[in-house]
């Protein structure tokens, strides 16, 4: 298990690429605001990137992070897979439990799951 401390300082840049916006709008819906506002302000995607993308910014820039997330979404139905294995949001699970569930949809391919601890920089 690898522990990673990541910075809380990330710079989200508004997407202008039409294809990326269309893909995000279709597959990563921002339900709390009207569609036009969501596409202009991008608050939902910004929040998700600041919360989850911060740890990956040394490996993936913002565009690559979202592109990879969309490709994984299209290829694997991970939410249903995790639910089928009784893994649901709000509970604690071991990396092994999550990896075992993921292996069922990746042709027994080992996943590279890492724990991340987010810390504030002083």
PDB file of N, CA and C in Angstrom:
ATOM      1  N   UNK A   1       0.857  -1.174   0.000  1.00  0.00           N
ATOM      2  CA  UNK A   1       0.000   0.000   0.000  1.00  0.00           C
ATOM      3  C   UNK A   1       0.898   1.230   0.000  1.00  0.00           C
ATOM      4  N   UNK A   2       0.604   2.164  -0.878  1.00  0.00           N
ATOM      5  CA  UNK A   2       1.410   3.368  -0.991  1.00  0.00           C
ATOM      6  C   UNK A   2       0.610   4.567  -0.502  1.00  0.00           C
ATOM      7  N   UNK A   3       1.163   5.330   0.411  1.00  0.00           N
ATOM      8  CA  UNK A   3       0.486   6.515   0.924  1.00  0.00           C
ATOM      9  C   UNK A   3       1.049   7.740   0.217  1.00  0.00           C
ATOM     10  N   UNK A   4       0.171   8.607  -0.206  1.00  0.00           N
ATOM     11  CA  UNK A   4       0.576   9.795  -0.942  1.00  0.00           C
ATOM     12  C   UNK A   4      -0.016  11.019  -0.269  1.00  0.00           C
ATOM     13  N   UNK A   5       0.804  11.998   0.017  1.00  0.00           N
ATOM     14  CA  UNK A   5       0.295  13.278   0.491  1.00  0.00           C
ATOM     15  C   UNK A   5       0.229  14.207  -0.702  1.00  0.00           C
ATOM     16  N   UNK A   6      -0.916  14.797  -0.915  1.00  0.00           N
ATOM     17  CA  UNK A   6      -1.038  15.675  -2.071  1.00  0.00           C
ATOM     18  C   UNK A   6      -1.423  17.080  -1.642  1.00  0.00           C
ATOM     19  N   UNK A   7      -1.024  18.006  -2.435  1.00  0.00           N
ATOM     20  CA  UNK A   7      -1.265  19.417  -2.162  1.00  0.00           C
ATOM     21  C   UNK A   7      -2.740  19.747  -2.322  1.00  0.00           C
ATOM     22  N   UNK A   8      -3.220  20.668  -1.516  1.00  0.00           N
ATOM     23  CA  UNK A   8      -4.592  21.128  -1.682  1.00  0.00           C
ATOM     24  C   UNK A   8      -4.650  22.264  -2.699  1.00  0.00           C
ATOM     25  N   UNK A   9      -3.498  22.642  -3.237  1.00  0.00           N
ATOM     26  CA  UNK A   9      -3.430  23.726  -4.215  1.00  0.00           C
ATOM     27  C   UNK A   9      -3.424  23.153  -5.628  1.00  0.00           C
ATOM     28  N   UNK A  10      -4.553  23.218  -6.303  1.00  0.00           N
ATOM     29  CA  UNK A  10      -4.633  22.816  -7.702  1.00  0.00           C
ATOM     30  C   UNK A  10      -5.224  23.976  -8.484  1.00  0.00           C
ATOM     31  N   UNK A  11      -4.815  24.082  -9.707  1.00  0.00           N
ATOM     32  CA  UNK A  11      -5.326  25.141 -10.563  1.00  0.00           C
ATOM     33  C   UNK A  11      -6.232  24.531 -11.617  1.00  0.00           C
ATOM     34  N   UNK A  12      -7.524  24.685 -11.441  1.00  0.00           N
ATOM     35  CA  UNK A  12      -8.484  24.210 -12.425  1.00  0.00           C
ATOM     36  C   UNK A  12      -8.591  25.255 -13.526  1.00  0.00           C
ATOM     37  N   UNK A  13      -8.484  24.813 -14.761  1.00  0.00           N
ATOM     38  CA  UNK A  13      -8.629  25.693 -15.916  1.00  0.00           C
ATOM     39  C   UNK A  13      -9.927  25.336 -16.624  1.00  0.00           C
ATOM     40  N   UNK A  14     -10.745  26.332 -16.898  1.00  0.00           N
ATOM     41  CA  UNK A  14     -12.013  26.073 -17.582  1.00  0.00           C
ATOM     42  C   UNK A  14     -11.753  25.405 -18.922  1.00  0.00           C
ATOM     43  N   UNK A  15     -12.512  24.345 -19.198  1.00  0.00           N
ATOM     44  CA  UNK A  15     -12.405  23.676 -20.491  1.00  0.00           C
ATOM     45  C   UNK A  15     -13.038  24.551 -21.560  1.00  0.00           C
ATOM     46  N   UNK A  16     -12.369  24.646 -22.688  1.00  0.00           N
ATOM     47  CA  UNK A  16     -12.921  25.348 -23.837  1.00  0.00           C
ATOM     48  C   UNK A  16     -13.123  24.397 -25.006  1.00  0.00           C
ATOM     49  N   UNK A  17     -12.436  23.257 -24.977  1.00  0.00           N
ATOM     50  CA  UNK A  17     -12.540  22.261 -26.041  1.00  0.00           C
ATOM     51  C   UNK A  17     -13.965  21.717 -26.105  1.00  0.00           C
ATOM     52  N   UNK A  18     -14.615  21.882 -27.241  1.00  0.00           N
ATOM     53  CA  UNK A  18     -16.027  21.515 -27.392  1.00  0.00           C
ATOM     54  C   UNK A  18     -16.254  20.016 -27.179  1.00  0.00           C
ATOM     55  N   UNK A  19     -15.375  19.175 -27.719  1.00  0.00           N
ATOM     56  CA  UNK A  19     -15.557  17.725 -27.559  1.00  0.00           C
ATOM     57  C   UNK A  19     -15.466  17.328 -26.091  1.00  0.00           C
ATOM     58  N   UNK A  20     -14.477  17.875 -25.387  1.00  0.00           N
ATOM     59  CA  UNK A  20     -14.336  17.560 -23.961  1.00  0.00           C
ATOM     60  C   UNK A  20     -15.570  18.031 -23.201  1.00  0.00           C
ATOM     61  N   UNK A  21     -16.033  19.239 -23.488  1.00  0.00           N
ATOM     62  CA  UNK A  21     -17.234  19.750 -22.819  1.00  0.00           C
ATOM     63  C   UNK A  21     -18.439  18.861 -23.093  1.00  0.00           C
ATOM     64  N   UNK A  22     -18.601  18.449 -24.348  1.00  0.00           N
ATOM     65  CA  UNK A  22     -19.730  17.575 -24.696  1.00  0.00           C
ATOM     66  C   UNK A  22     -19.635  16.235 -23.970  1.00  0.00           C
ATOM     67  N   UNK A  23     -18.432  15.658 -23.936  1.00  0.00           N
ATOM     68  CA  UNK A  23     -18.248  14.369 -23.254  1.00  0.00           C
ATOM     69  C   UNK A  23     -18.510  14.491 -21.753  1.00  0.00           C
ATOM     70  N   UNK A  24     -17.964  15.530 -21.142  1.00  0.00           N
ATOM     71  CA  UNK A  24     -18.196  15.732 -19.708  1.00  0.00           C
ATOM     72  C   UNK A  24     -19.672  15.984 -19.429  1.00  0.00           C
ATOM     73  N   UNK A  25     -20.303  16.792 -20.259  1.00  0.00           N
ATOM     74  CA  UNK A  25     -21.715  17.106 -20.067  1.00  0.00           C
ATOM     75  C   UNK A  25     -22.588  15.862 -20.201  1.00  0.00           C
ATOM     76  N   UNK A  26     -22.203  14.967 -21.076  1.00  0.00           N
ATOM     77  CA  UNK A  26     -22.986  13.742 -21.303  1.00  0.00           C
ATOM     78  C   UNK A  26     -22.772  12.709 -20.195  1.00  0.00           C
ATOM     79  N   UNK A  27     -21.531  12.550 -19.753  1.00  0.00           N
ATOM     80  CA  UNK A  27     -21.206  11.449 -18.838  1.00  0.00           C
ATOM     81  C   UNK A  27     -20.912  11.872 -17.401  1.00  0.00           C
ATOM     82  N   UNK A  28     -20.724  13.155 -17.161  1.00  0.00           N
ATOM     83  CA  UNK A  28     -20.367  13.648 -15.826  1.00  0.00           C
ATOM     84  C   UNK A  28     -21.279  14.827 -15.530  1.00  0.00           C
ATOM     85  N   UNK A  29     -22.550  14.523 -15.435  1.00  0.00           N
ATOM     86  CA  UNK A  29     -23.607  15.527 -15.357  1.00  0.00           C
ATOM     87  C   UNK A  29     -23.539  16.299 -14.044  1.00  0.00           C
ATOM     88  N   UNK A  30     -23.749  17.606 -14.133  1.00  0.00           N
ATOM     89  CA  UNK A  30     -23.794  18.484 -12.964  1.00  0.00           C
ATOM     90  C   UNK A  30     -25.265  18.798 -12.690  1.00  0.00           C
ATOM     91  N   UNK A  31     -25.867  18.060 -11.798  1.00  0.00           N
ATOM     92  CA  UNK A  31     -27.313  18.122 -11.592  1.00  0.00           C
ATOM     93  C   UNK A  31     -27.805  19.340 -10.824  1.00  0.00           C
ATOM     94  N   UNK A  32     -26.956  20.004 -10.084  1.00  0.00           N
ATOM     95  CA  UNK A  32     -27.416  21.082  -9.210  1.00  0.00           C
ATOM     96  C   UNK A  32     -27.597  22.419  -9.924  1.00  0.00           C
ATOM     97  N   UNK A  33     -27.165  22.509 -11.160  1.00  0.00           N
ATOM     98  CA  UNK A  33     -27.286  23.762 -11.908  1.00  0.00           C
ATOM     99  C   UNK A  33     -27.806  23.486 -13.310  1.00  0.00           C
ATOM    100  N   UNK A  34     -28.291  24.526 -13.954  1.00  0.00           N
ATOM    101  CA  UNK A  34     -28.763  24.386 -15.328  1.00  0.00           C
ATOM    102  C   UNK A  34     -27.583  24.060 -16.232  1.00  0.00           C
ATOM    103  N   UNK A  35     -27.884  23.350 -17.320  1.00  0.00           N
ATOM    104  CA  UNK A  35     -26.837  22.878 -18.215  1.00  0.00           C
ATOM    105  C   UNK A  35     -25.939  24.009 -18.715  1.00  0.00           C
ATOM    106  N   UNK A  36     -26.520  25.105 -19.160  1.00  0.00           N
ATOM    107  CA  UNK A  36     -25.708  26.197 -19.708  1.00  0.00           C
ATOM    108  C   UNK A  36     -24.762  26.769 -18.653  1.00  0.00           C
ATOM    109  N   UNK A  37     -25.277  26.947 -17.444  1.00  0.00           N
ATOM    110  CA  UNK A  37     -24.438  27.452 -16.347  1.00  0.00           C
ATOM    111  C   UNK A  37     -23.328  26.454 -16.016  1.00  0.00           C
ATOM    112  N   UNK A  38     -23.672  25.167 -16.039  1.00  0.00           N
ATOM    113  CA  UNK A  38     -22.681  24.128 -15.744  1.00  0.00           C
ATOM    114  C   UNK A  38     -21.543  24.162 -16.757  1.00  0.00           C
ATOM    115  N   UNK A  39     -21.878  24.356 -18.019  1.00  0.00           N
ATOM    116  CA  UNK A  39     -20.854  24.382 -19.063  1.00  0.00           C
ATOM    117  C   UNK A  39     -19.980  25.633 -18.982  1.00  0.00           C
ATOM    118  N   UNK A  40     -20.557  26.738 -18.529  1.00  0.00           N
ATOM    119  CA  UNK A  40     -19.798  27.989 -18.443  1.00  0.00           C
ATOM    120  C   UNK A  40     -18.946  28.035 -17.176  1.00  0.00           C
ATOM    121  N   UNK A  41     -19.559  27.792 -16.030  1.00  0.00           N
ATOM    122  CA  UNK A  41     -18.839  27.913 -14.750  1.00  0.00           C
ATOM    123  C   UNK A  41     -18.018  26.672 -14.405  1.00  0.00           C
ATOM    124  N   UNK A  42     -18.522  25.500 -14.754  1.00  0.00           N
ATOM    125  CA  UNK A  42     -17.840  24.226 -14.531  1.00  0.00           C
ATOM    126  C   UNK A  42     -17.522  23.972 -13.064  1.00  0.00           C
ATOM    127  N   UNK A  43     -18.368  24.480 -12.166  1.00  0.00           N
ATOM    128  CA  UNK A  43     -18.123  24.335 -10.725  1.00  0.00           C
ATOM    129  C   UNK A  43     -18.070  22.878 -10.269  1.00  0.00           C
ATOM    130  N   UNK A  44     -18.930  22.036 -10.816  1.00  0.00           N
ATOM    131  CA  UNK A  44     -18.959  20.629 -10.418  1.00  0.00           C
ATOM    132  C   UNK A  44     -17.681  19.905 -10.793  1.00  0.00           C
ATOM    133  N   UNK A  45     -17.220  20.119 -12.009  1.00  0.00           N
ATOM    134  CA  UNK A  45     -15.980  19.473 -12.449  1.00  0.00           C
ATOM    135  C   UNK A  45     -14.783  20.050 -11.697  1.00  0.00           C
ATOM    136  N   UNK A  46     -14.816  21.353 -11.437  1.00  0.00           N
ATOM    137  CA  UNK A  46     -13.743  21.984 -10.662  1.00  0.00           C
ATOM    138  C   UNK A  46     -13.667  21.359  -9.273  1.00  0.00           C
ATOM    139  N   UNK A  47     -14.820  21.190  -8.625  1.00  0.00           N
ATOM    140  CA  UNK A  47     -14.863  20.588  -7.287  1.00  0.00           C
ATOM    141  C   UNK A  47     -14.277  19.176  -7.316  1.00  0.00           C
ATOM    142  N   UNK A  48     -14.706  18.371  -8.291  1.00  0.00           N
ATOM    143  CA  UNK A  48     -14.219  16.995  -8.379  1.00  0.00           C
ATOM    144  C   UNK A  48     -12.718  16.951  -8.631  1.00  0.00           C
ATOM    145  N   UNK A  49     -12.245  17.846  -9.485  1.00  0.00           N
ATOM    146  CA  UNK A  49     -10.806  17.872  -9.765  1.00  0.00           C
ATOM    147  C   UNK A  49     -10.017  18.306  -8.532  1.00  0.00           C
ATOM    148  N   UNK A  50     -10.503  19.317  -7.837  1.00  0.00           N
ATOM    149  CA  UNK A  50      -9.809  19.774  -6.634  1.00  0.00           C
ATOM    150  C   UNK A  50      -9.826  18.712  -5.542  1.00  0.00           C
ATOM    151  N   UNK A  51     -10.910  17.944  -5.479  1.00  0.00           N
ATOM    152  CA  UNK A  51     -11.033  16.913  -4.447  1.00  0.00           C
ATOM    153  C   UNK A  51     -10.252  15.646  -4.805  1.00  0.00           C
ATOM    154  N   UNK A  52     -10.386  15.195  -6.055  1.00  0.00           N
ATOM    155  CA  UNK A  52      -9.809  13.905  -6.437  1.00  0.00           C
ATOM    156  C   UNK A  52      -8.600  14.016  -7.367  1.00  0.00           C
ATOM    157  N   UNK A  53      -8.539  15.046  -8.168  1.00  0.00           N
ATOM    158  CA  UNK A  53      -7.463  15.169  -9.143  1.00  0.00           C
ATOM    159  C   UNK A  53      -6.171  15.717  -8.585  1.00  0.00           C
ATOM    160  N   UNK A  54      -6.242  16.323  -7.405  1.00  0.00           N
ATOM    161  CA  UNK A  54      -5.050  16.942  -6.815  1.00  0.00           C
ATOM    162  C   UNK A  54      -3.906  15.945  -6.673  1.00  0.00           C
ATOM    163  N   UNK A  55      -4.215  14.726  -6.297  1.00  0.00           N
ATOM    164  CA  UNK A  55      -3.162  13.723  -6.086  1.00  0.00           C
ATOM    165  C   UNK A  55      -2.539  13.244  -7.390  1.00  0.00           C
ATOM    166  N   UNK A  56      -3.201  13.470  -8.503  1.00  0.00           N
ATOM    167  CA  UNK A  56      -2.676  12.954  -9.768  1.00  0.00           C
ATOM    168  C   UNK A  56      -1.980  14.007 -10.609  1.00  0.00           C
ATOM    169  N   UNK A  57      -1.929  15.247 -10.145  1.00  0.00           N
ATOM    170  CA  UNK A  57      -1.433  16.304 -11.022  1.00  0.00           C
ATOM    171  C   UNK A  57       0.039  16.173 -11.402  1.00  0.00           C
ATOM    172  N   UNK A  58       0.829  15.418 -10.651  1.00  0.00           N
ATOM    173  CA  UNK A  58       2.221  15.193 -11.061  1.00  0.00           C
ATOM    174  C   UNK A  58       2.299  14.178 -12.197  1.00  0.00           C
ATOM    175  N   UNK A  59       1.284  13.329 -12.309  1.00  0.00           N
ATOM    176  CA  UNK A  59       1.256  12.305 -13.346  1.00  0.00           C
ATOM    177  C   UNK A  59       0.374  12.705 -14.520  1.00  0.00           C
ATOM    178  N   UNK A  60      -0.786  13.274 -14.222  1.00  0.00           N
ATOM    179  CA  UNK A  60      -1.757  13.635 -15.258  1.00  0.00           C
ATOM    180  C   UNK A  60      -2.146  15.099 -15.120  1.00  0.00           C
ATOM    181  N   UNK A  61      -2.101  15.839 -16.220  1.00  0.00           N
ATOM    182  CA  UNK A  61      -2.626  17.193 -16.157  1.00  0.00           C
ATOM    183  C   UNK A  61      -4.155  17.121 -16.120  1.00  0.00           C
ATOM    184  N   UNK A  62      -4.800  18.238 -15.960  1.00  0.00           N
ATOM    185  CA  UNK A  62      -6.255  18.262 -15.797  1.00  0.00           C
ATOM    186  C   UNK A  62      -6.981  17.602 -16.970  1.00  0.00           C
ATOM    187  N   UNK A  63      -6.588  17.932 -18.172  1.00  0.00           N
ATOM    188  CA  UNK A  63      -7.253  17.377 -19.349  1.00  0.00           C
ATOM    189  C   UNK A  63      -7.086  15.863 -19.417  1.00  0.00           C
ATOM    190  N   UNK A  64      -5.880  15.387 -19.168  1.00  0.00           N
ATOM    191  CA  UNK A  64      -5.616  13.947 -19.187  1.00  0.00           C
ATOM    192  C   UNK A  64      -6.377  13.244 -18.071  1.00  0.00           C
ATOM    193  N   UNK A  65      -6.444  13.863 -16.903  1.00  0.00           N
ATOM    194  CA  UNK A  65      -7.181  13.293 -15.772  1.00  0.00           C
ATOM    195  C   UNK A  65      -8.640  13.040 -16.154  1.00  0.00           C
ATOM    196  N   UNK A  66      -9.303  14.043 -16.721  1.00  0.00           N
ATOM    197  CA  UNK A  66     -10.706  13.885 -17.095  1.00  0.00           C
ATOM    198  C   UNK A  66     -10.873  12.939 -18.283  1.00  0.00           C
ATOM    199  N   UNK A  67      -9.966  12.998 -19.253  1.00  0.00           N
ATOM    200  CA  UNK A  67     -10.041  12.084 -20.399  1.00  0.00           C
ATOM    201  C   UNK A  67      -9.923  10.638 -19.945  1.00  0.00           C
ATOM    202  N   UNK A  68      -8.982  10.383 -19.048  1.00  0.00           N
ATOM    203  CA  UNK A  68      -8.801   9.029 -18.520  1.00  0.00           C
ATOM    204  C   UNK A  68     -10.032   8.584 -17.736  1.00  0.00           C
ATOM    205  N   UNK A  69     -10.573   9.464 -16.912  1.00  0.00           N
ATOM    206  CA  UNK A  69     -11.780   9.125 -16.146  1.00  0.00           C
ATOM    207  C   UNK A  69     -12.937   8.776 -17.079  1.00  0.00           C
ATOM    208  N   UNK A  70     -13.100   9.534 -18.157  1.00  0.00           N
ATOM    209  CA  UNK A  70     -14.178   9.252 -19.110  1.00  0.00           C
ATOM    210  C   UNK A  70     -13.947   7.933 -19.836  1.00  0.00           C
ATOM    211  N   UNK A  71     -12.695   7.647 -20.220  1.00  0.00           N
ATOM    212  CA  UNK A  71     -12.408   6.370 -20.893  1.00  0.00           C
ATOM    213  C   UNK A  71     -12.679   5.188 -19.969  1.00  0.00           C
ATOM    214  N   UNK A  72     -12.286   5.313 -18.714  1.00  0.00           N
ATOM    215  CA  UNK A  72     -12.553   4.237 -17.755  1.00  0.00           C
ATOM    216  C   UNK A  72     -14.049   4.062 -17.537  1.00  0.00           C
ATOM    217  N   UNK A  73     -14.769   5.164 -17.473  1.00  0.00           N
ATOM    218  CA  UNK A  73     -16.225   5.116 -17.312  1.00  0.00           C
ATOM    219  C   UNK A  73     -16.870   4.371 -18.481  1.00  0.00           C
ATOM    220  N   UNK A  74     -16.422   4.678 -19.701  1.00  0.00           N
ATOM    221  CA  UNK A  74     -16.984   4.030 -20.884  1.00  0.00           C
ATOM    222  C   UNK A  74     -16.633   2.550 -20.947  1.00  0.00           C
ATOM    223  N   UNK A  75     -15.470   2.193 -20.449  1.00  0.00           N
ATOM    224  CA  UNK A  75     -14.993   0.814 -20.559  1.00  0.00           C
ATOM    225  C   UNK A  75     -15.502  -0.098 -19.444  1.00  0.00           C
ATOM    226  N   UNK A  76     -15.608   0.434 -18.235  1.00  0.00           N
ATOM    227  CA  UNK A  76     -15.985  -0.386 -17.089  1.00  0.00           C
ATOM    228  C   UNK A  76     -17.110   0.277 -16.315  1.00  0.00           C
ATOM    229  N   UNK A  77     -18.060  -0.511 -15.884  1.00  0.00           N
ATOM    230  CA  UNK A  77     -19.125   0.010 -15.022  1.00  0.00           C
ATOM    231  C   UNK A  77     -18.710  -0.276 -13.581  1.00  0.00           C
ATOM    232  N   UNK A  78     -17.768   0.528 -13.093  1.00  0.00           N
ATOM    233  CA  UNK A  78     -17.187   0.252 -11.780  1.00  0.00           C
ATOM    234  C   UNK A  78     -18.175   0.433 -10.640  1.00  0.00           C
ATOM    235  N   UNK A  79     -19.066   1.402 -10.743  1.00  0.00           N
ATOM    236  CA  UNK A  79     -20.032   1.607  -9.663  1.00  0.00           C
ATOM    237  C   UNK A  79     -20.886   0.363  -9.463  1.00  0.00           C
ATOM    238  N   UNK A  80     -21.432  -0.174 -10.551  1.00  0.00           N
ATOM    239  CA  UNK A  80     -22.244  -1.396 -10.436  1.00  0.00           C
ATOM    240  C   UNK A  80     -21.409  -2.571  -9.952  1.00  0.00           C
ATOM    241  N   UNK A  81     -20.186  -2.657 -10.445  1.00  0.00           N
ATOM    242  CA  UNK A  81     -19.302  -3.743 -10.030  1.00  0.00           C
ATOM    243  C   UNK A  81     -19.039  -3.682  -8.533  1.00  0.00           C
ATOM    244  N   UNK A  82     -18.715  -2.505  -8.034  1.00  0.00           N
ATOM    245  CA  UNK A  82     -18.460  -2.366  -6.600  1.00  0.00           C
ATOM    246  C   UNK A  82     -19.718  -2.669  -5.795  1.00  0.00           C
ATOM    247  N   UNK A  83     -20.871  -2.197  -6.264  1.00  0.00           N
ATOM    248  CA  UNK A  83     -22.131  -2.463  -5.563  1.00  0.00           C
ATOM    249  C   UNK A  83     -22.436  -3.960  -5.531  1.00  0.00           C
ATOM    250  N   UNK A  84     -22.154  -4.671  -6.628  1.00  0.00           N
ATOM    251  CA  UNK A  84     -22.379  -6.123  -6.671  1.00  0.00           C
ATOM    252  C   UNK A  84     -21.531  -6.848  -5.628  1.00  0.00           C
ATOM    253  N   UNK A  85     -20.426  -6.243  -5.259  1.00  0.00           N
ATOM    254  CA  UNK A  85     -19.536  -6.829  -4.252  1.00  0.00           C
ATOM    255  C   UNK A  85     -19.730  -6.171  -2.890  1.00  0.00           C
ATOM    256  N   UNK A  86     -20.892  -5.544  -2.720  1.00  0.00           N
ATOM    257  CA  UNK A  86     -21.285  -4.902  -1.451  1.00  0.00           C
ATOM    258  C   UNK A  86     -20.324  -3.801  -1.010  1.00  0.00           C
ATOM    259  N   UNK A  87     -19.733  -3.131  -1.981  1.00  0.00           N
ATOM    260  CA  UNK A  87     -18.864  -1.990  -1.699  1.00  0.00           C
ATOM    261  C   UNK A  87     -19.638  -0.740  -2.084  1.00  0.00           C
ATOM    262  N   UNK A  88     -19.988   0.052  -1.083  1.00  0.00           N
ATOM    263  CA  UNK A  88     -20.840   1.221  -1.303  1.00  0.00           C
ATOM    264  C   UNK A  88     -20.190   2.464  -0.689  1.00  0.00           C
ATOM    265  N   UNK A  89     -20.520   3.651  -1.207  1.00  0.00           N
ATOM    266  CA  UNK A  89     -19.947   4.883  -0.658  1.00  0.00           C
ATOM    267  C   UNK A  89     -20.257   5.047   0.827  1.00  0.00           C
ATOM    268  N   UNK A  90     -19.322   5.653   1.536  1.00  0.00           N
ATOM    269  CA  UNK A  90     -19.533   5.966   2.947  1.00  0.00           C
ATOM    270  C   UNK A  90     -19.036   4.917   3.917  1.00  0.00           C
ATOM    271  N   UNK A  91     -18.546   3.812   3.404  1.00  0.00           N
ATOM    272  CA  UNK A  91     -18.031   2.743   4.262  1.00  0.00           C
ATOM    273  C   UNK A  91     -16.528   2.583   4.023  1.00  0.00           C
ATOM    274  N   UNK A  92     -15.879   1.822   4.873  1.00  0.00           N
ATOM    275  CA  UNK A  92     -14.445   1.574   4.740  1.00  0.00           C
ATOM    276  C   UNK A  92     -14.199   0.174   4.206  1.00  0.00           C
ATOM    277  N   UNK A  93     -13.250   0.069   3.275  1.00  0.00           N
ATOM    278  CA  UNK A  93     -12.896  -1.213   2.670  1.00  0.00           C
ATOM    279  C   UNK A  93     -11.387  -1.289   2.531  1.00  0.00           C
ATOM    280  N   UNK A  94     -10.884  -2.502   2.464  1.00  0.00           N
ATOM    281  CA  UNK A  94      -9.452  -2.674   2.240  1.00  0.00           C
ATOM    282  C   UNK A  94      -9.168  -2.528   0.747  1.00  0.00           C
ATOM    283  N   UNK A  95      -7.919  -2.230   0.455  1.00  0.00           N
ATOM    284  CA  UNK A  95      -7.510  -2.166  -0.949  1.00  0.00           C
ATOM    285  C   UNK A  95      -7.740  -3.520  -1.604  1.00  0.00           C
ATOM    286  N   UNK A  96      -7.504  -4.592  -0.860  1.00  0.00           N
ATOM    287  CA  UNK A  96      -7.672  -5.936  -1.411  1.00  0.00           C
ATOM    288  C   UNK A  96      -9.134  -6.201  -1.797  1.00  0.00           C
ATOM    289  N   UNK A  97     -10.076  -5.756  -0.977  1.00  0.00           N
ATOM    290  CA  UNK A  97     -11.496  -5.946  -1.296  1.00  0.00           C
ATOM    291  C   UNK A  97     -11.873  -5.202  -2.577  1.00  0.00           C
ATOM    292  N   UNK A  98     -11.401  -3.984  -2.694  1.00  0.00           N
ATOM    293  CA  UNK A  98     -11.708  -3.193  -3.887  1.00  0.00           C
ATOM    294  C   UNK A  98     -11.029  -3.797  -5.112  1.00  0.00           C
ATOM    295  N   UNK A  99      -9.767  -4.174  -4.979  1.00  0.00           N
ATOM    296  CA  UNK A  99      -9.028  -4.767  -6.098  1.00  0.00           C
ATOM    297  C   UNK A  99      -9.673  -6.066  -6.562  1.00  0.00           C
ATOM    298  N   UNK A 100     -10.132  -6.878  -5.627  1.00  0.00           N
ATOM    299  CA  UNK A 100     -10.791  -8.143  -5.968  1.00  0.00           C
ATOM    300  C   UNK A 100     -12.048  -7.880  -6.797  1.00  0.00           C
ATOM    301  N   UNK A 101     -12.828  -6.883  -6.419  1.00  0.00           N
ATOM    302  CA  UNK A 101     -14.045  -6.546  -7.163  1.00  0.00           C
ATOM    303  C   UNK A 101     -13.700  -6.041  -8.562  1.00  0.00           C
ATOM    304  N   UNK A 102     -12.696  -5.193  -8.659  1.00  0.00           N
ATOM    305  CA  UNK A 102     -12.308  -4.629  -9.959  1.00  0.00           C
ATOM    306  C   UNK A 102     -11.793  -5.716 -10.894  1.00  0.00           C
ATOM    307  N   UNK A 103     -11.071  -6.698 -10.354  1.00  0.00           N
ATOM    308  CA  UNK A 103     -10.552  -7.794 -11.180  1.00  0.00           C
ATOM    309  C   UNK A 103     -11.653  -8.540 -11.914  1.00  0.00           C
ATOM    310  N   UNK A 104     -12.864  -8.528 -11.374  1.00  0.00           N
ATOM    311  CA  UNK A 104     -13.956  -9.270 -12.016  1.00  0.00           C
ATOM    312  C   UNK A 104     -14.380  -8.655 -13.346  1.00  0.00           C
ATOM    313  N   UNK A 105     -14.043  -7.379 -13.593  1.00  0.00           N
ATOM    314  CA  UNK A 105     -14.408  -6.747 -14.870  1.00  0.00           C
ATOM    315  C   UNK A 105     -13.196  -6.396 -15.726  1.00  0.00           C
ATOM    316  N   UNK A 106     -12.005  -6.721 -15.263  1.00  0.00           N
ATOM    317  CA  UNK A 106     -10.794  -6.397 -16.022  1.00  0.00           C
ATOM    318  C   UNK A 106     -10.054  -7.660 -16.454  1.00  0.00           C
ATOM    319  N   UNK A 107     -10.788  -8.737 -16.664  1.00  0.00           N
ATOM    320  CA  UNK A 107     -10.178 -10.008 -17.082  1.00  0.00           C
ATOM    321  C   UNK A 107      -9.043 -10.431 -16.159  1.00  0.00           C
ATOM    322  N   UNK A 108      -9.292 -10.312 -14.859  1.00  0.00           N
ATOM    323  CA  UNK A 108      -8.332 -10.686 -13.820  1.00  0.00           C
ATOM    324  C   UNK A 108      -7.030  -9.897 -13.859  1.00  0.00           C
ATOM    325  N   UNK A 109      -7.050  -8.744 -14.504  1.00  0.00           N
ATOM    326  CA  UNK A 109      -5.875  -7.876 -14.518  1.00  0.00           C
ATOM    327  C   UNK A 109      -5.748  -7.192 -13.164  1.00  0.00           C
ATOM    328  N   UNK A 110      -4.536  -7.196 -12.641  1.00  0.00           N
ATOM    329  CA  UNK A 110      -4.292  -6.536 -11.358  1.00  0.00           C
ATOM    330  C   UNK A 110      -4.450  -5.028 -11.521  1.00  0.00           C
ATOM    331  N   UNK A 111      -5.108  -4.402 -10.569  1.00  0.00           N
ATOM    332  CA  UNK A 111      -5.240  -2.945 -10.590  1.00  0.00           C
ATOM    333  C   UNK A 111      -4.139  -2.326  -9.741  1.00  0.00           C
ATOM    334  N   UNK A 112      -3.864  -1.078  -9.985  1.00  0.00           N
ATOM    335  CA  UNK A 112      -2.822  -0.361  -9.248  1.00  0.00           C
ATOM    336  C   UNK A 112      -3.507   0.681  -8.376  1.00  0.00           C
ATOM    337  N   UNK A 113      -4.030   0.248  -7.247  1.00  0.00           N
ATOM    338  CA  UNK A 113      -4.783   1.118  -6.348  1.00  0.00           C
ATOM    339  C   UNK A 113      -3.846   1.627  -5.265  1.00  0.00           C
ATOM    340  N   UNK A 114      -3.932   2.917  -5.006  1.00  0.00           N
ATOM    341  CA  UNK A 114      -3.106   3.522  -3.960  1.00  0.00           C
ATOM    342  C   UNK A 114      -4.002   4.323  -3.034  1.00  0.00           C
ATOM    343  N   UNK A 115      -3.665   4.325  -1.766  1.00  0.00           N
ATOM    344  CA  UNK A 115      -4.373   5.176  -0.810  1.00  0.00           C
ATOM    345  C   UNK A 115      -3.762   6.562  -0.873  1.00  0.00           C
ATOM    346  N   UNK A 116      -4.594   7.545  -0.736  1.00  0.00           N
ATOM    347  CA  UNK A 116      -4.100   8.924  -0.755  1.00  0.00           C
ATOM    348  C   UNK A 116      -4.578   9.634   0.493  1.00  0.00           C
ATOM    349  N   UNK A 117      -3.675  10.336   1.125  1.00  0.00           N
ATOM    350  CA  UNK A 117      -4.030  11.167   2.268  1.00  0.00           C
ATOM    351  C   UNK A 117      -3.803  12.605   1.837  1.00  0.00           C
ATOM    352  N   UNK A 118      -4.840  13.392   1.902  1.00  0.00           N
ATOM    353  CA  UNK A 118      -4.745  14.780   1.478  1.00  0.00           C
ATOM    354  C   UNK A 118      -4.403  15.642   2.684  1.00  0.00           C
ATOM    355  N   UNK A 119      -3.370  16.420   2.548  1.00  0.00           N
ATOM    356  CA  UNK A 119      -2.966  17.286   3.651  1.00  0.00           C
ATOM    357  C   UNK A 119      -2.890  18.722   3.173  1.00  0.00           C
ATOM    358  N   UNK A 120      -3.091  19.657   4.097  1.00  0.00           N
ATOM    359  CA  UNK A 120      -2.931  21.074   3.773  1.00  0.00           C
ATOM    360  C   UNK A 120      -1.455  21.415   3.842  1.00  0.00           C
ATOM    361  N   UNK A 121      -1.022  22.211   2.888  1.00  0.00           N
ATOM    362  CA  UNK A 121       0.362  22.665   2.943  1.00  0.00           C
ATOM    363  C   UNK A 121       0.442  23.869   3.862  1.00  0.00           C
ATOM    364  N   UNK A 122       1.494  23.916   4.635  1.00  0.00           N
ATOM    365  CA  UNK A 122       1.692  25.025   5.570  1.00  0.00           C
ATOM    366  C   UNK A 122       2.447  26.152   4.913  1.00  0.00           C
TER     367      UNK A 122
END
